[in-house]
Amino acid sequence: MPSPDQGVSLSPNRYLLVPRVLIFITVGDEVLLLKGAPDKKIWPGKYNGLGGHVERGESVHAAAEREIREESGLRVRDLRLRGVITVETEEPTGIGLFVFTATALTREVIPSREGALEWIKASEVTELDLVEDLPVLIPHVLAMKDGAPAFSGRYYYDAEGKLRTEFDPV
């Protein structure tokens, strides 16, 4: 693929995306969430899935595996891409969010400097102080059946500053 300096024009209407992964790991009817450390730059004290940036030279699947290992020490099976979300920001660069699920082989986690890891009953997740998109995203992802195609969607903020989530029909 040609680089931008090889004649590919980047118009203001085209996305430039930073790839990130977000993983929801389950055991039975529980999902592992990370309560952000109080000194975290973004989402301190908020519950989130595991995840982070995709490093240069790695696939999104490899990034998900690395983030699971770094943030929890867990061994998992059935790591599956469940969806891709385009996140519009107020910057020229947006976020490409690759959402995965996996099943843990054990519940024993290794503490992370990112925050406290907690196993939460899936039915109780929306009662927590979650990162803004998760009250909609977690139920959507956990309701997916094995073999279902990956979804696509987008996040954006409306004129009143409220987060809007859209998932394309499958």
C-alpha atoms as a PDB file:
ATOM      1  CA  MET A   1       0.000   0.000   0.000  1.00  0.00           C
ATOM      2  CA  PRO A   2       1.397   3.403  -0.899  1.00  0.00           C
ATOM      3  CA  SER A   3       2.203   5.851   1.864  1.00  0.00           C
ATOM      4  CA  PRO A   4       0.663   9.353   1.913  1.00  0.00           C
ATOM      5  CA  ASP A   5       3.859  10.793   0.442  1.00  0.00           C
ATOM      6  CA  GLN A   6       3.519   8.453  -2.576  1.00  0.00           C
ATOM      7  CA  GLY A   7       0.570  10.277  -4.081  1.00  0.00           C
ATOM      8  CA  VAL A   8      -2.316   9.120  -1.886  1.00  0.00           C
ATOM      9  CA  SER A   9      -4.200  12.223  -0.863  1.00  0.00           C
ATOM     10  CA  LEU A  10      -5.700  12.460   2.587  1.00  0.00           C
ATOM     11  CA  SER A  11      -8.794  14.607   2.419  1.00  0.00           C
ATOM     12  CA  PRO A  12     -10.322  16.026   5.597  1.00  0.00           C
ATOM     13  CA  ASN A  13     -13.283  13.653   5.133  1.00  0.00           C
ATOM     14  CA  ARG A  14     -11.125  10.520   5.371  1.00  0.00           C
ATOM     15  CA  TYR A  15     -10.352   8.929   8.684  1.00  0.00           C
ATOM     16  CA  LEU A  16      -6.924   8.588  10.159  1.00  0.00           C
ATOM     17  CA  LEU A  17      -7.337   6.003  12.905  1.00  0.00           C
ATOM     18  CA  VAL A  18      -5.269   4.870  15.854  1.00  0.00           C
ATOM     19  CA  PRO A  19      -5.926   1.137  16.347  1.00  0.00           C
ATOM     20  CA  ARG A  20      -6.877  -0.034  19.833  1.00  0.00           C
ATOM     21  CA  VAL A  21      -8.171  -3.319  21.246  1.00  0.00           C
ATOM     22  CA  LEU A  22     -10.789  -3.890  23.939  1.00  0.00           C
ATOM     23  CA  ILE A  23     -11.290  -7.356  25.406  1.00  0.00           C
ATOM     24  CA  PHE A  24     -14.072  -8.777  27.564  1.00  0.00           C
ATOM     25  CA  ILE A  25     -12.961 -11.993  29.257  1.00  0.00           C
ATOM     26  CA  THR A  26     -15.584 -14.246  30.770  1.00  0.00           C
ATOM     27  CA  VAL A  27     -15.810 -17.262  33.068  1.00  0.00           C
ATOM     28  CA  GLY A  28     -19.306 -18.663  33.449  1.00  0.00           C
ATOM     29  CA  ASP A  29     -21.662 -15.733  34.042  1.00  0.00           C
ATOM     30  CA  GLU A  30     -18.912 -13.311  35.082  1.00  0.00           C
ATOM     31  CA  VAL A  31     -16.871 -10.815  33.094  1.00  0.00           C
ATOM     32  CA  LEU A  32     -13.462  -9.470  34.089  1.00  0.00           C
ATOM     33  CA  LEU A  33     -13.326  -5.689  34.360  1.00  0.00           C
ATOM     34  CA  LEU A  34     -10.528  -3.363  35.327  1.00  0.00           C
ATOM     35  CA  LYS A  35     -11.311  -0.501  37.709  1.00  0.00           C
ATOM     36  CA  GLY A  36      -8.916   2.203  36.571  1.00  0.00           C
ATOM     37  CA  ALA A  37      -6.247   3.251  39.030  1.00  0.00           C
ATOM     38  CA  PRO A  38      -6.901   6.683  40.611  1.00  0.00           C
ATOM     39  CA  ASP A  39      -3.777   8.122  38.935  1.00  0.00           C
ATOM     40  CA  LYS A  40      -4.653   6.935  35.416  1.00  0.00           C
ATOM     41  CA  LYS A  41      -4.645   9.673  32.789  1.00  0.00           C
ATOM     42  CA  ILE A  42      -7.980   8.570  31.309  1.00  0.00           C
ATOM     43  CA  TRP A  43     -10.936   6.976  33.119  1.00  0.00           C
ATOM     44  CA  PRO A  44      -9.523   6.899  36.668  1.00  0.00           C
ATOM     45  CA  GLY A  45     -11.853   4.952  38.955  1.00  0.00           C
ATOM     46  CA  LYS A  46     -14.019   3.802  36.027  1.00  0.00           C
ATOM     47  CA  TYR A  47     -14.592   0.174  35.074  1.00  0.00           C
ATOM     48  CA  ASN A  48     -13.441  -0.943  31.634  1.00  0.00           C
ATOM     49  CA  GLY A  49     -12.476  -4.076  29.773  1.00  0.00           C
ATOM     50  CA  LEU A  50      -8.843  -4.933  29.218  1.00  0.00           C
ATOM     51  CA  GLY A  51      -7.010  -3.499  26.252  1.00  0.00           C
ATOM     52  CA  GLY A  52      -4.907  -0.756  24.782  1.00  0.00           C
ATOM     53  CA  HIS A  53      -2.962   0.349  21.735  1.00  0.00           C
ATOM     54  CA  VAL A  54      -1.875  -1.880  18.890  1.00  0.00           C
ATOM     55  CA  GLU A  55       1.901  -1.669  18.633  1.00  0.00           C
ATOM     56  CA  ARG A  56       3.706  -1.234  15.317  1.00  0.00           C
ATOM     57  CA  GLY A  57       4.280  -4.612  13.676  1.00  0.00           C
ATOM     58  CA  GLU A  58       1.548  -6.558  15.499  1.00  0.00           C
ATOM     59  CA  SER A  59      -1.902  -7.631  14.362  1.00  0.00           C
ATOM     60  CA  VAL A  60      -4.974  -6.654  16.365  1.00  0.00           C
ATOM     61  CA  HIS A  61      -5.281 -10.289  17.497  1.00  0.00           C
ATOM     62  CA  ALA A  62      -1.667 -10.305  18.721  1.00  0.00           C
ATOM     63  CA  ALA A  63      -2.281  -6.961  20.464  1.00  0.00           C
ATOM     64  CA  ALA A  64      -5.313  -8.434  22.277  1.00  0.00           C
ATOM     65  CA  GLU A  65      -3.237 -11.433  23.404  1.00  0.00           C
ATOM     66  CA  ARG A  66      -0.444  -9.133  24.635  1.00  0.00           C
ATOM     67  CA  GLU A  67      -2.832  -6.835  26.503  1.00  0.00           C
ATOM     68  CA  ILE A  68      -4.493  -9.805  28.243  1.00  0.00           C
ATOM     69  CA  ARG A  69      -1.095 -11.108  29.323  1.00  0.00           C
ATOM     70  CA  GLU A  70       0.189  -7.671  30.453  1.00  0.00           C
ATOM     71  CA  GLU A  71      -2.954  -6.559  32.287  1.00  0.00           C
ATOM     72  CA  SER A  72      -4.125  -9.817  33.884  1.00  0.00           C
ATOM     73  CA  GLY A  73      -1.635 -12.641  33.376  1.00  0.00           C
ATOM     74  CA  LEU A  74      -4.561 -14.842  32.322  1.00  0.00           C
ATOM     75  CA  ARG A  75      -4.446 -17.687  29.851  1.00  0.00           C
ATOM     76  CA  VAL A  76      -7.535 -17.676  27.649  1.00  0.00           C
ATOM     77  CA  ARG A  77      -9.191 -19.658  24.897  1.00  0.00           C
ATOM     78  CA  ASP A  78     -11.549 -18.655  22.101  1.00  0.00           C
ATOM     79  CA  LEU A  79     -10.163 -15.160  21.591  1.00  0.00           C
ATOM     80  CA  ARG A  80     -12.633 -13.837  18.999  1.00  0.00           C
ATOM     81  CA  LEU A  81     -13.048 -10.566  17.172  1.00  0.00           C
ATOM     82  CA  ARG A  82     -16.617  -9.461  17.895  1.00  0.00           C
ATOM     83  CA  GLY A  83     -16.719  -6.024  16.340  1.00  0.00           C
ATOM     84  CA  VAL A  84     -14.988  -2.959  14.960  1.00  0.00           C
ATOM     85  CA  ILE A  85     -16.016   0.527  16.037  1.00  0.00           C
ATOM     86  CA  THR A  86     -14.918   3.807  14.502  1.00  0.00           C
ATOM     87  CA  VAL A  87     -14.637   6.413  17.237  1.00  0.00           C
ATOM     88  CA  GLU A  88     -14.897  10.001  16.082  1.00  0.00           C
ATOM     89  CA  THR A  89     -12.921  12.431  18.182  1.00  0.00           C
ATOM     90  CA  GLU A  90     -12.551  16.178  17.997  1.00  0.00           C
ATOM     91  CA  GLU A  91      -9.023  15.646  16.697  1.00  0.00           C
ATOM     92  CA  PRO A  92      -7.955  14.927  13.090  1.00  0.00           C
ATOM     93  CA  THR A  93      -7.199  11.361  14.191  1.00  0.00           C
ATOM     94  CA  GLY A  94      -9.938   9.031  15.410  1.00  0.00           C
ATOM     95  CA  ILE A  95      -9.788   5.584  16.973  1.00  0.00           C
ATOM     96  CA  GLY A  96     -10.358   2.189  15.376  1.00  0.00           C
ATOM     97  CA  LEU A  97     -11.583   0.010  18.248  1.00  0.00           C
ATOM     98  CA  PHE A  98     -11.335  -3.766  17.751  1.00  0.00           C
ATOM     99  CA  VAL A  99     -13.572  -5.512  20.294  1.00  0.00           C
ATOM    100  CA  PHE A 100     -12.778  -9.090  21.371  1.00  0.00           C
ATOM    101  CA  THR A 101     -14.141 -11.700  23.753  1.00  0.00           C
ATOM    102  CA  ALA A 102     -12.287 -14.608  25.327  1.00  0.00           C
ATOM    103  CA  THR A 103     -12.866 -17.280  27.940  1.00  0.00           C
ATOM    104  CA  ALA A 104     -10.434 -17.493  30.844  1.00  0.00           C
ATOM    105  CA  LEU A 105      -8.942 -20.864  31.750  1.00  0.00           C
ATOM    106  CA  THR A 106      -8.742 -19.763  35.399  1.00  0.00           C
ATOM    107  CA  ARG A 107     -10.048 -16.904  37.547  1.00  0.00           C
ATOM    108  CA  GLU A 108      -6.632 -16.193  39.085  1.00  0.00           C
ATOM    109  CA  VAL A 109      -5.319 -12.850  37.850  1.00  0.00           C
ATOM    110  CA  ILE A 110      -2.019 -11.083  38.376  1.00  0.00           C
ATOM    111  CA  PRO A 111      -2.430  -7.516  39.714  1.00  0.00           C
ATOM    112  CA  SER A 112      -1.918  -4.749  37.183  1.00  0.00           C
ATOM    113  CA  ARG A 113      -0.605  -1.210  37.597  1.00  0.00           C
ATOM    114  CA  GLU A 114      -3.523  -0.204  35.344  1.00  0.00           C
ATOM    115  CA  GLY A 115      -5.998  -0.758  38.191  1.00  0.00           C
ATOM    116  CA  ALA A 116      -7.902  -3.397  40.168  1.00  0.00           C
ATOM    117  CA  LEU A 117      -9.173  -6.464  38.298  1.00  0.00           C
ATOM    118  CA  GLU A 118     -12.617  -7.667  39.354  1.00  0.00           C
ATOM    119  CA  TRP A 119     -14.856 -10.530  38.228  1.00  0.00           C
ATOM    120  CA  ILE A 120     -18.391  -9.117  37.970  1.00  0.00           C
ATOM    121  CA  LYS A 121     -21.646 -10.943  37.240  1.00  0.00           C
ATOM    122  CA  ALA A 122     -22.654  -9.971  33.706  1.00  0.00           C
ATOM    123  CA  SER A 123     -26.161  -9.136  34.941  1.00  0.00           C
ATOM    124  CA  GLU A 124     -24.707  -6.561  37.369  1.00  0.00           C
ATOM    125  CA  VAL A 125     -22.203  -4.805  35.115  1.00  0.00           C
ATOM    126  CA  THR A 126     -24.413  -1.873  34.149  1.00  0.00           C
ATOM    127  CA  GLU A 127     -24.777  -0.949  37.850  1.00  0.00           C
ATOM    128  CA  LEU A 128     -21.068  -0.030  38.019  1.00  0.00           C
ATOM    129  CA  ASP A 129     -19.342   3.276  37.296  1.00  0.00           C
ATOM    130  CA  LEU A 130     -18.390   2.265  33.744  1.00  0.00           C
ATOM    131  CA  VAL A 131     -16.481   4.017  30.992  1.00  0.00           C
ATOM    132  CA  GLU A 132     -19.102   5.960  29.043  1.00  0.00           C
ATOM    133  CA  ASP A 133     -19.747   3.527  26.165  1.00  0.00           C
ATOM    134  CA  LEU A 134     -19.791   0.278  28.154  1.00  0.00           C
ATOM    135  CA  PRO A 135     -23.411   0.288  29.411  1.00  0.00           C
ATOM    136  CA  VAL A 136     -24.425  -0.205  25.767  1.00  0.00           C
ATOM    137  CA  LEU A 137     -21.387  -2.111  24.473  1.00  0.00           C
ATOM    138  CA  ILE A 138     -21.016  -4.867  27.100  1.00  0.00           C
ATOM    139  CA  PRO A 139     -24.574  -6.240  26.797  1.00  0.00           C
ATOM    140  CA  HIS A 140     -24.315  -6.021  23.001  1.00  0.00           C
ATOM    141  CA  VAL A 141     -21.057  -7.990  22.917  1.00  0.00           C
ATOM    142  CA  LEU A 142     -21.919 -10.562  25.586  1.00  0.00           C
ATOM    143  CA  ALA A 143     -25.245 -11.356  23.857  1.00  0.00           C
ATOM    144  CA  MET A 144     -23.456 -12.380  20.657  1.00  0.00           C
ATOM    145  CA  LYS A 145     -23.761 -16.064  19.803  1.00  0.00           C
ATOM    146  CA  ASP A 146     -20.739 -18.125  18.801  1.00  0.00           C
ATOM    147  CA  GLY A 147     -20.397 -18.048  15.041  1.00  0.00           C
ATOM    148  CA  ALA A 148     -22.170 -14.672  14.731  1.00  0.00           C
ATOM    149  CA  PRO A 149     -20.462 -12.305  12.310  1.00  0.00           C
ATOM    150  CA  ALA A 150     -18.508  -9.404  13.749  1.00  0.00           C
ATOM    151  CA  PHE A 151     -20.471  -6.168  14.024  1.00  0.00           C
ATOM    152  CA  SER A 152     -19.386  -2.713  12.966  1.00  0.00           C
ATOM    153  CA  GLY A 153     -20.358   0.586  14.457  1.00  0.00           C
ATOM    154  CA  ARG A 154     -19.368   4.089  15.289  1.00  0.00           C
ATOM    155  CA  TYR A 155     -19.264   6.376  18.281  1.00  0.00           C
ATOM    156  CA  TYR A 156     -19.602  10.128  18.059  1.00  0.00           C
ATOM    157  CA  TYR A 157     -20.678  13.052  20.224  1.00  0.00           C
ATOM    158  CA  ASP A 158     -23.801  15.027  19.303  1.00  0.00           C
ATOM    159  CA  ALA A 159     -24.159  18.826  19.478  1.00  0.00           C
ATOM    160  CA  GLU A 160     -25.007  18.606  23.207  1.00  0.00           C
ATOM    161  CA  GLY A 161     -21.844  16.588  23.915  1.00  0.00           C
ATOM    162  CA  LYS A 162     -23.712  13.309  24.498  1.00  0.00           C
ATOM    163  CA  LEU A 163     -22.050  10.101  23.311  1.00  0.00           C
ATOM    164  CA  ARG A 164     -23.996   8.379  20.547  1.00  0.00           C
ATOM    165  CA  THR A 165     -23.459   4.745  19.645  1.00  0.00           C
ATOM    166  CA  GLU A 166     -24.554   3.181  16.371  1.00  0.00           C
ATOM    167  CA  PHE A 167     -24.236  -0.474  15.449  1.00  0.00           C
ATOM    168  CA  ASP A 168     -24.778  -1.472  11.828  1.00  0.00           C
ATOM    169  CA  PRO A 169     -27.286  -4.257  11.191  1.00  0.00           C
ATOM    170  CA  VAL A 170     -25.706  -7.648  10.598  1.00  0.00           C
END
